[in-house]
């Protein structure tokens, strides 16, 4: 399987210590099976950081090896998915909030912070949070590789 990572600069080594906290599935390395989605993310990163240029890095991973890892799958938006995102977005610890090597699931909408605040202040209930976190462009999926063991499965092309 080929996966893509959108970024604003080229690199050879994946360094999980440079991963940002409070992301959908936690601090880790995010990829997509969709090249166009990865390019869109690269453009967003360039806009956010105001430096570099959009780059998409390609990686090959053996799906049989993924099956040997501790993997969590979310195939659709659900309350379990929303609670998992809440768990990770709230995690201020440098340690992972979960024990998965790899997580696969939908990308939350870009307005996550506002929706989480509404849920935490009880302005909306959990089913409404799930609806509000759905990506506005339709369902799009991401792969999270969050451990060194998982990162070793990625072979740069």
N, C-alpha and C. Protein backbone atom coordinates (compact mmCIF):
# COMPACT_ATOMS: atom_id res chain seq x y z
N UNK A 1 0.85 -1.17 0.00
CA UNK A 1 0.00 0.00 0.00
C UNK A 1 0.90 1.24 0.00
N UNK A 2 0.49 2.25 -0.75
CA UNK A 2 1.22 3.51 -0.79
C UNK A 2 0.45 4.54 0.02
N UNK A 3 1.15 5.25 0.90
CA UNK A 3 0.56 6.32 1.70
C UNK A 3 1.35 7.59 1.47
N UNK A 4 0.68 8.73 1.63
CA UNK A 4 1.29 10.03 1.34
C UNK A 4 1.23 10.94 2.56
N UNK A 5 2.27 11.74 2.70
CA UNK A 5 2.36 12.72 3.78
C UNK A 5 2.58 14.10 3.18
N UNK A 6 1.67 15.02 3.45
CA UNK A 6 1.81 16.38 2.95
C UNK A 6 2.57 17.23 3.95
N UNK A 7 3.56 17.99 3.46
CA UNK A 7 4.40 18.80 4.34
C UNK A 7 4.88 20.05 3.60
N UNK A 8 5.62 20.87 4.31
CA UNK A 8 6.17 22.09 3.69
C UNK A 8 7.68 21.97 3.44
N UNK A 9 8.28 20.82 3.80
CA UNK A 9 9.71 20.64 3.55
C UNK A 9 10.03 19.15 3.47
N UNK A 10 11.03 18.84 2.68
CA UNK A 10 11.45 17.46 2.52
C UNK A 10 12.27 17.02 3.74
N UNK A 11 12.20 15.74 4.05
CA UNK A 11 13.03 15.17 5.12
C UNK A 11 13.20 13.69 4.85
N UNK A 12 14.23 13.12 5.43
CA UNK A 12 14.54 11.70 5.23
C UNK A 12 14.14 10.83 6.41
N UNK A 13 14.15 11.40 7.61
CA UNK A 13 13.88 10.62 8.81
C UNK A 13 12.64 11.15 9.51
N UNK A 14 11.75 10.25 9.89
CA UNK A 14 10.55 10.63 10.64
C UNK A 14 10.93 10.71 12.12
N UNK A 15 10.75 11.87 12.69
CA UNK A 15 11.09 12.11 14.09
C UNK A 15 9.80 12.40 14.86
N UNK A 16 9.31 11.42 15.60
CA UNK A 16 8.06 11.58 16.33
C UNK A 16 8.13 12.67 17.39
N UNK A 17 9.33 12.99 17.86
CA UNK A 17 9.45 14.04 18.88
C UNK A 17 9.08 15.41 18.31
N UNK A 18 9.07 15.55 17.00
CA UNK A 18 8.69 16.82 16.36
C UNK A 18 7.19 16.89 16.08
N UNK A 19 6.47 15.83 16.39
CA UNK A 19 5.02 15.80 16.17
C UNK A 19 4.32 16.75 17.11
N UNK A 20 3.28 17.36 16.61
CA UNK A 20 2.50 18.31 17.41
C UNK A 20 1.53 17.56 18.32
N UNK A 21 1.32 18.08 19.53
CA UNK A 21 0.35 17.45 20.44
C UNK A 21 -1.08 17.85 20.08
N UNK A 22 -2.02 17.20 20.71
CA UNK A 22 -3.44 17.54 20.63
C UNK A 22 -4.04 17.40 19.23
N UNK A 23 -3.57 16.43 18.48
CA UNK A 23 -4.13 16.13 17.17
C UNK A 23 -5.22 15.06 17.31
N UNK A 24 -5.95 14.80 16.23
CA UNK A 24 -7.09 13.88 16.27
C UNK A 24 -6.77 12.56 16.97
N UNK A 25 -5.67 11.92 16.58
CA UNK A 25 -5.32 10.62 17.14
C UNK A 25 -4.09 10.69 18.02
N UNK A 26 -3.65 11.89 18.34
CA UNK A 26 -2.51 12.07 19.22
C UNK A 26 -1.28 12.54 18.48
N UNK A 27 -0.19 12.59 19.22
CA UNK A 27 1.10 13.01 18.68
C UNK A 27 1.65 11.86 17.83
N UNK A 28 1.83 12.11 16.53
CA UNK A 28 2.30 11.06 15.65
C UNK A 28 2.50 11.56 14.23
N UNK A 29 2.67 10.63 13.32
CA UNK A 29 2.92 10.91 11.91
C UNK A 29 1.66 10.54 11.14
N UNK A 30 1.10 11.52 10.42
CA UNK A 30 -0.17 11.36 9.73
C UNK A 30 0.04 11.22 8.23
N UNK A 31 -0.71 10.29 7.64
CA UNK A 31 -0.62 10.03 6.21
C UNK A 31 -2.01 9.81 5.63
N UNK A 32 -2.07 9.80 4.31
CA UNK A 32 -3.31 9.56 3.59
C UNK A 32 -3.05 8.61 2.44
N UNK A 33 -4.06 7.83 2.07
CA UNK A 33 -3.96 6.99 0.88
C UNK A 33 -4.28 7.80 -0.37
N UNK A 34 -4.71 9.04 -0.20
CA UNK A 34 -5.13 9.92 -1.30
C UNK A 34 -4.07 11.01 -1.52
N UNK A 35 -3.42 10.98 -2.67
CA UNK A 35 -2.37 11.96 -2.98
C UNK A 35 -2.92 13.38 -2.92
N UNK A 36 -4.10 13.61 -3.49
CA UNK A 36 -4.68 14.97 -3.52
C UNK A 36 -4.96 15.49 -2.12
N UNK A 37 -5.40 14.63 -1.25
CA UNK A 37 -5.65 15.02 0.15
C UNK A 37 -4.33 15.41 0.81
N UNK A 38 -3.27 14.64 0.57
CA UNK A 38 -1.96 14.96 1.14
C UNK A 38 -1.45 16.30 0.59
N UNK A 39 -1.66 16.55 -0.69
CA UNK A 39 -1.23 17.83 -1.27
C UNK A 39 -2.02 18.99 -0.65
N UNK A 40 -3.30 18.80 -0.43
CA UNK A 40 -4.10 19.85 0.21
C UNK A 40 -3.57 20.14 1.62
N UNK A 41 -3.18 19.10 2.34
CA UNK A 41 -2.62 19.29 3.68
C UNK A 41 -1.28 20.00 3.61
N UNK A 42 -0.49 19.69 2.60
CA UNK A 42 0.81 20.36 2.41
C UNK A 42 0.60 21.85 2.18
N UNK A 43 -0.39 22.20 1.39
CA UNK A 43 -0.69 23.61 1.12
C UNK A 43 -1.15 24.33 2.38
N UNK A 44 -1.95 23.65 3.18
CA UNK A 44 -2.39 24.23 4.46
C UNK A 44 -1.19 24.49 5.36
N UNK A 45 -0.28 23.53 5.43
CA UNK A 45 0.92 23.68 6.28
C UNK A 45 1.76 24.87 5.83
N UNK A 46 1.94 25.03 4.53
CA UNK A 46 2.70 26.17 4.01
C UNK A 46 2.00 27.48 4.42
N UNK A 47 0.68 27.51 4.29
CA UNK A 47 -0.07 28.71 4.67
C UNK A 47 0.04 28.99 6.17
N UNK A 48 -0.06 27.95 6.98
CA UNK A 48 0.02 28.12 8.44
C UNK A 48 1.39 28.61 8.88
N UNK A 49 2.44 28.01 8.33
CA UNK A 49 3.80 28.31 8.78
C UNK A 49 4.45 29.45 7.99
N UNK A 50 3.82 29.79 6.87
CA UNK A 50 4.32 30.85 6.00
C UNK A 50 5.78 30.62 5.60
N UNK A 51 6.09 29.35 5.29
CA UNK A 51 7.43 29.02 4.80
C UNK A 51 7.39 27.69 4.06
N UNK A 52 8.41 27.48 3.25
CA UNK A 52 8.54 26.23 2.51
C UNK A 52 7.65 26.22 1.28
N UNK A 53 7.51 25.02 0.76
CA UNK A 53 6.65 24.81 -0.40
C UNK A 53 5.91 23.49 -0.23
N UNK A 54 4.73 23.35 -0.83
CA UNK A 54 3.97 22.10 -0.67
C UNK A 54 4.71 20.91 -1.27
N UNK A 55 4.90 19.89 -0.46
CA UNK A 55 5.59 18.67 -0.88
C UNK A 55 4.77 17.48 -0.40
N UNK A 56 4.68 16.47 -1.24
CA UNK A 56 4.03 15.22 -0.83
C UNK A 56 5.09 14.12 -0.87
N UNK A 57 5.29 13.50 0.29
CA UNK A 57 6.23 12.39 0.41
C UNK A 57 5.45 11.08 0.32
N UNK A 58 5.99 10.12 -0.42
CA UNK A 58 5.32 8.83 -0.59
C UNK A 58 6.05 7.76 0.21
N UNK A 59 5.26 6.89 0.82
CA UNK A 59 5.78 5.80 1.62
C UNK A 59 5.06 4.51 1.24
N UNK A 60 5.81 3.42 1.24
CA UNK A 60 5.20 2.12 1.02
C UNK A 60 5.15 1.40 2.36
N UNK A 61 4.05 0.70 2.59
CA UNK A 61 3.91 -0.07 3.82
C UNK A 61 3.25 -1.40 3.46
N UNK A 62 3.74 -2.45 4.05
CA UNK A 62 3.20 -3.80 3.83
C UNK A 62 1.98 -3.97 4.73
N UNK A 63 0.82 -4.17 4.11
CA UNK A 63 -0.43 -4.29 4.88
C UNK A 63 -0.40 -5.49 5.82
N UNK A 64 0.33 -6.53 5.47
CA UNK A 64 0.45 -7.70 6.36
C UNK A 64 1.18 -7.31 7.65
N UNK A 65 2.16 -6.42 7.53
CA UNK A 65 2.89 -5.97 8.71
C UNK A 65 2.01 -5.09 9.60
N UNK A 66 1.14 -4.30 8.98
CA UNK A 66 0.19 -3.49 9.76
C UNK A 66 -0.66 -4.41 10.62
N UNK A 67 -1.06 -5.54 10.06
CA UNK A 67 -1.89 -6.49 10.79
C UNK A 67 -1.23 -7.06 12.04
N UNK A 68 0.08 -6.94 12.15
CA UNK A 68 0.80 -7.43 13.32
C UNK A 68 0.91 -6.37 14.42
N UNK A 69 0.49 -5.17 14.12
CA UNK A 69 0.58 -4.05 15.07
C UNK A 69 -0.71 -3.93 15.87
N UNK A 70 -0.67 -3.10 16.90
CA UNK A 70 -1.86 -2.78 17.67
C UNK A 70 -2.55 -1.63 16.93
N UNK A 71 -3.62 -1.94 16.21
CA UNK A 71 -4.28 -0.98 15.32
C UNK A 71 -5.71 -0.74 15.76
N UNK A 72 -6.13 0.50 15.69
CA UNK A 72 -7.53 0.89 15.94
C UNK A 72 -8.10 1.41 14.63
N UNK A 73 -9.26 0.88 14.25
CA UNK A 73 -9.92 1.30 13.01
C UNK A 73 -11.24 2.00 13.34
N UNK A 74 -11.45 3.13 12.72
CA UNK A 74 -12.74 3.83 12.73
C UNK A 74 -13.15 3.94 11.26
N UNK A 75 -14.21 3.24 10.87
CA UNK A 75 -14.61 3.23 9.47
C UNK A 75 -15.65 4.29 9.14
N UNK A 76 -16.13 4.97 10.17
CA UNK A 76 -17.13 6.01 9.96
C UNK A 76 -17.13 6.94 11.16
N UNK A 77 -17.81 8.06 11.02
CA UNK A 77 -18.00 8.95 12.15
C UNK A 77 -18.91 8.25 13.15
N UNK A 78 -18.52 8.28 14.41
CA UNK A 78 -19.31 7.62 15.45
C UNK A 78 -19.04 8.30 16.78
N UNK A 79 -19.82 7.97 17.76
CA UNK A 79 -19.59 8.51 19.10
C UNK A 79 -18.25 8.02 19.64
N UNK A 80 -17.92 6.75 19.38
CA UNK A 80 -16.63 6.22 19.84
C UNK A 80 -15.49 7.01 19.21
N UNK A 81 -15.58 7.31 17.90
CA UNK A 81 -14.58 8.11 17.19
C UNK A 81 -14.46 9.50 17.83
N UNK A 82 -15.60 10.16 18.08
CA UNK A 82 -15.59 11.51 18.67
C UNK A 82 -14.96 11.49 20.06
N UNK A 83 -15.28 10.49 20.86
CA UNK A 83 -14.69 10.40 22.20
C UNK A 83 -13.19 10.14 22.13
N UNK A 84 -12.76 9.39 21.14
CA UNK A 84 -11.33 9.13 20.95
C UNK A 84 -10.60 10.43 20.58
N UNK A 85 -11.21 11.22 19.72
CA UNK A 85 -10.63 12.52 19.35
C UNK A 85 -10.58 13.43 20.57
N UNK A 86 -11.66 13.44 21.36
CA UNK A 86 -11.66 14.24 22.59
C UNK A 86 -10.51 13.82 23.50
N UNK A 87 -10.32 12.51 23.67
CA UNK A 87 -9.25 11.99 24.51
C UNK A 87 -7.90 12.54 24.07
N UNK A 88 -7.65 12.52 22.78
CA UNK A 88 -6.35 12.95 22.24
C UNK A 88 -6.20 14.46 22.22
N UNK A 89 -7.25 15.17 21.89
CA UNK A 89 -7.18 16.62 21.84
C UNK A 89 -7.01 17.24 23.23
N UNK A 90 -7.49 16.53 24.25
CA UNK A 90 -7.38 17.01 25.63
C UNK A 90 -6.06 16.61 26.30
N UNK A 91 -5.32 15.73 25.68
CA UNK A 91 -4.12 15.17 26.31
C UNK A 91 -2.97 16.18 26.34
N UNK A 92 -2.67 16.68 27.51
CA UNK A 92 -1.56 17.62 27.68
C UNK A 92 -0.25 16.94 28.06
N UNK A 93 -0.31 15.64 28.26
CA UNK A 93 0.87 14.87 28.65
C UNK A 93 1.75 14.59 27.43
N UNK A 94 3.06 14.48 27.62
CA UNK A 94 3.91 14.07 26.49
C UNK A 94 3.71 12.60 26.12
N UNK A 95 3.04 11.85 27.01
CA UNK A 95 2.76 10.44 26.75
C UNK A 95 1.45 10.28 25.98
N UNK A 96 1.37 9.24 25.18
CA UNK A 96 0.16 8.97 24.40
C UNK A 96 -1.03 8.70 25.32
N UNK A 97 -2.20 9.11 24.86
CA UNK A 97 -3.43 8.88 25.61
C UNK A 97 -4.00 7.49 25.33
N UNK A 98 -3.40 6.77 24.39
CA UNK A 98 -3.87 5.43 24.03
C UNK A 98 -2.65 4.56 23.71
N UNK A 99 -2.88 3.27 23.57
CA UNK A 99 -1.78 2.34 23.33
C UNK A 99 -1.68 1.79 21.92
N UNK A 100 -2.27 2.46 20.95
CA UNK A 100 -2.25 1.97 19.58
C UNK A 100 -0.99 2.42 18.84
N UNK A 101 -0.46 1.52 18.02
CA UNK A 101 0.67 1.86 17.15
C UNK A 101 0.17 2.66 15.95
N UNK A 102 -0.97 2.23 15.43
CA UNK A 102 -1.55 2.82 14.22
C UNK A 102 -3.03 3.02 14.45
N UNK A 103 -3.54 4.17 13.98
CA UNK A 103 -4.98 4.43 14.01
C UNK A 103 -5.40 4.86 12.61
N UNK A 104 -6.53 4.33 12.16
CA UNK A 104 -7.10 4.69 10.87
C UNK A 104 -8.50 5.20 11.11
N UNK A 105 -8.82 6.35 10.55
CA UNK A 105 -10.17 6.86 10.72
C UNK A 105 -10.38 8.19 10.06
N UNK A 106 -11.61 8.69 10.14
CA UNK A 106 -11.95 9.96 9.50
C UNK A 106 -11.19 11.14 10.11
N UNK A 107 -10.97 12.12 9.26
CA UNK A 107 -10.40 13.40 9.70
C UNK A 107 -11.54 14.24 10.27
N UNK A 108 -11.29 14.87 11.40
CA UNK A 108 -12.28 15.79 11.98
C UNK A 108 -12.25 17.11 11.21
N UNK A 109 -13.36 17.81 11.26
CA UNK A 109 -13.45 19.12 10.62
C UNK A 109 -12.44 20.08 11.23
N UNK A 110 -12.07 21.09 10.48
CA UNK A 110 -11.06 22.06 10.91
C UNK A 110 -11.48 22.89 12.12
N UNK A 111 -12.75 22.93 12.44
CA UNK A 111 -13.24 23.73 13.57
C UNK A 111 -13.35 22.91 14.85
N UNK A 112 -12.48 21.93 15.00
CA UNK A 112 -12.54 20.99 16.13
C UNK A 112 -12.56 21.71 17.47
N UNK A 113 -11.67 22.68 17.66
CA UNK A 113 -11.56 23.36 18.95
C UNK A 113 -12.87 23.96 19.42
N UNK A 114 -13.56 24.61 18.53
CA UNK A 114 -14.85 25.24 18.87
C UNK A 114 -15.87 24.17 19.26
N UNK A 115 -15.91 23.10 18.49
CA UNK A 115 -16.88 22.04 18.77
C UNK A 115 -16.58 21.34 20.10
N UNK A 116 -15.32 21.10 20.39
CA UNK A 116 -14.96 20.48 21.67
C UNK A 116 -15.34 21.39 22.83
N UNK A 117 -15.12 22.68 22.68
CA UNK A 117 -15.49 23.63 23.73
C UNK A 117 -17.01 23.59 23.95
N UNK A 118 -17.78 23.56 22.88
CA UNK A 118 -19.25 23.50 23.00
C UNK A 118 -19.68 22.23 23.74
N UNK A 119 -19.02 21.12 23.43
CA UNK A 119 -19.36 19.87 24.10
C UNK A 119 -18.96 19.92 25.57
N UNK A 120 -17.77 20.41 25.86
CA UNK A 120 -17.28 20.46 27.23
C UNK A 120 -18.09 21.42 28.10
N UNK A 121 -18.65 22.46 27.51
CA UNK A 121 -19.50 23.40 28.26
C UNK A 121 -20.97 23.00 28.20
N UNK A 122 -21.21 21.81 27.67
CA UNK A 122 -22.54 21.21 27.59
C UNK A 122 -23.52 22.03 26.75
N UNK A 123 -22.98 22.76 25.77
CA UNK A 123 -23.83 23.49 24.82
C UNK A 123 -24.39 22.55 23.76
N UNK A 124 -23.67 21.44 23.52
CA UNK A 124 -24.13 20.43 22.58
C UNK A 124 -23.92 19.05 23.20
N UNK A 125 -24.71 18.08 22.74
CA UNK A 125 -24.56 16.72 23.24
C UNK A 125 -23.62 15.92 22.33
N UNK A 126 -23.33 14.68 22.72
CA UNK A 126 -22.38 13.86 21.98
C UNK A 126 -22.81 13.59 20.53
N UNK A 127 -24.08 13.23 20.27
CA UNK A 127 -24.47 13.03 18.86
C UNK A 127 -24.28 14.30 18.01
N UNK A 128 -24.54 15.46 18.59
CA UNK A 128 -24.34 16.72 17.86
C UNK A 128 -22.85 16.96 17.63
N UNK A 129 -22.02 16.65 18.62
CA UNK A 129 -20.57 16.77 18.45
C UNK A 129 -20.11 15.91 17.27
N UNK A 130 -20.58 14.67 17.20
CA UNK A 130 -20.19 13.77 16.10
C UNK A 130 -20.55 14.40 14.76
N UNK A 131 -21.77 14.89 14.64
CA UNK A 131 -22.20 15.53 13.39
C UNK A 131 -21.33 16.74 13.07
N UNK A 132 -21.03 17.55 14.08
CA UNK A 132 -20.27 18.79 13.86
C UNK A 132 -18.80 18.54 13.56
N UNK A 133 -18.27 17.41 13.99
CA UNK A 133 -16.86 17.11 13.72
C UNK A 133 -16.63 16.51 12.35
N UNK A 134 -17.70 16.13 11.68
CA UNK A 134 -17.54 15.53 10.36
C UNK A 134 -16.94 16.54 9.40
N UNK A 135 -16.02 16.06 8.60
CA UNK A 135 -15.31 16.91 7.65
C UNK A 135 -16.29 17.47 6.62
N UNK A 136 -16.26 18.76 6.41
CA UNK A 136 -17.22 19.45 5.56
C UNK A 136 -17.16 18.99 4.10
N UNK A 137 -16.06 18.46 3.65
CA UNK A 137 -15.90 18.07 2.25
C UNK A 137 -16.30 16.61 2.05
N UNK A 138 -16.97 16.01 3.01
CA UNK A 138 -17.28 14.59 2.93
C UNK A 138 -16.25 13.83 3.76
N UNK A 139 -16.49 12.56 3.90
CA UNK A 139 -15.62 11.76 4.76
C UNK A 139 -14.24 11.57 4.09
N UNK A 140 -13.22 11.89 4.82
CA UNK A 140 -11.85 11.69 4.38
C UNK A 140 -11.11 10.98 5.50
N UNK A 141 -10.22 10.09 5.13
CA UNK A 141 -9.56 9.24 6.12
C UNK A 141 -8.08 9.58 6.26
N UNK A 142 -7.57 9.26 7.44
CA UNK A 142 -6.16 9.47 7.73
C UNK A 142 -5.60 8.25 8.43
N UNK A 143 -4.31 8.07 8.27
CA UNK A 143 -3.55 7.05 8.98
C UNK A 143 -2.64 7.76 9.97
N UNK A 144 -2.61 7.25 11.19
CA UNK A 144 -1.75 7.76 12.26
C UNK A 144 -0.76 6.67 12.60
N UNK A 145 0.52 7.00 12.53
CA UNK A 145 1.59 6.10 12.97
C UNK A 145 2.21 6.77 14.19
N UNK A 146 2.00 6.18 15.37
CA UNK A 146 2.36 6.87 16.59
C UNK A 146 3.47 6.29 17.42
N UNK A 147 4.06 5.19 16.96
CA UNK A 147 5.16 4.58 17.72
C UNK A 147 6.35 4.34 16.78
N UNK A 148 7.51 4.22 17.37
CA UNK A 148 8.71 3.94 16.58
C UNK A 148 8.56 2.60 15.84
N UNK A 149 7.91 1.64 16.47
CA UNK A 149 7.67 0.35 15.83
C UNK A 149 6.84 0.53 14.57
N UNK A 150 5.81 1.35 14.64
CA UNK A 150 4.96 1.61 13.47
C UNK A 150 5.73 2.38 12.39
N UNK A 151 6.50 3.37 12.81
CA UNK A 151 7.27 4.20 11.86
C UNK A 151 8.22 3.33 11.04
N UNK A 152 8.78 2.30 11.66
CA UNK A 152 9.73 1.42 10.96
C UNK A 152 9.09 0.67 9.79
N UNK A 153 7.76 0.60 9.76
CA UNK A 153 7.07 -0.07 8.66
C UNK A 153 7.04 0.80 7.40
N UNK A 154 7.25 2.09 7.54
CA UNK A 154 7.16 3.03 6.40
C UNK A 154 8.47 3.07 5.64
N UNK A 155 8.41 2.75 4.37
CA UNK A 155 9.58 2.79 3.49
C UNK A 155 9.41 3.93 2.50
N UNK A 156 10.27 4.91 2.58
CA UNK A 156 10.19 6.09 1.71
C UNK A 156 10.43 5.69 0.27
N UNK A 157 9.59 6.19 -0.62
CA UNK A 157 9.75 5.93 -2.06
C UNK A 157 10.44 7.09 -2.74
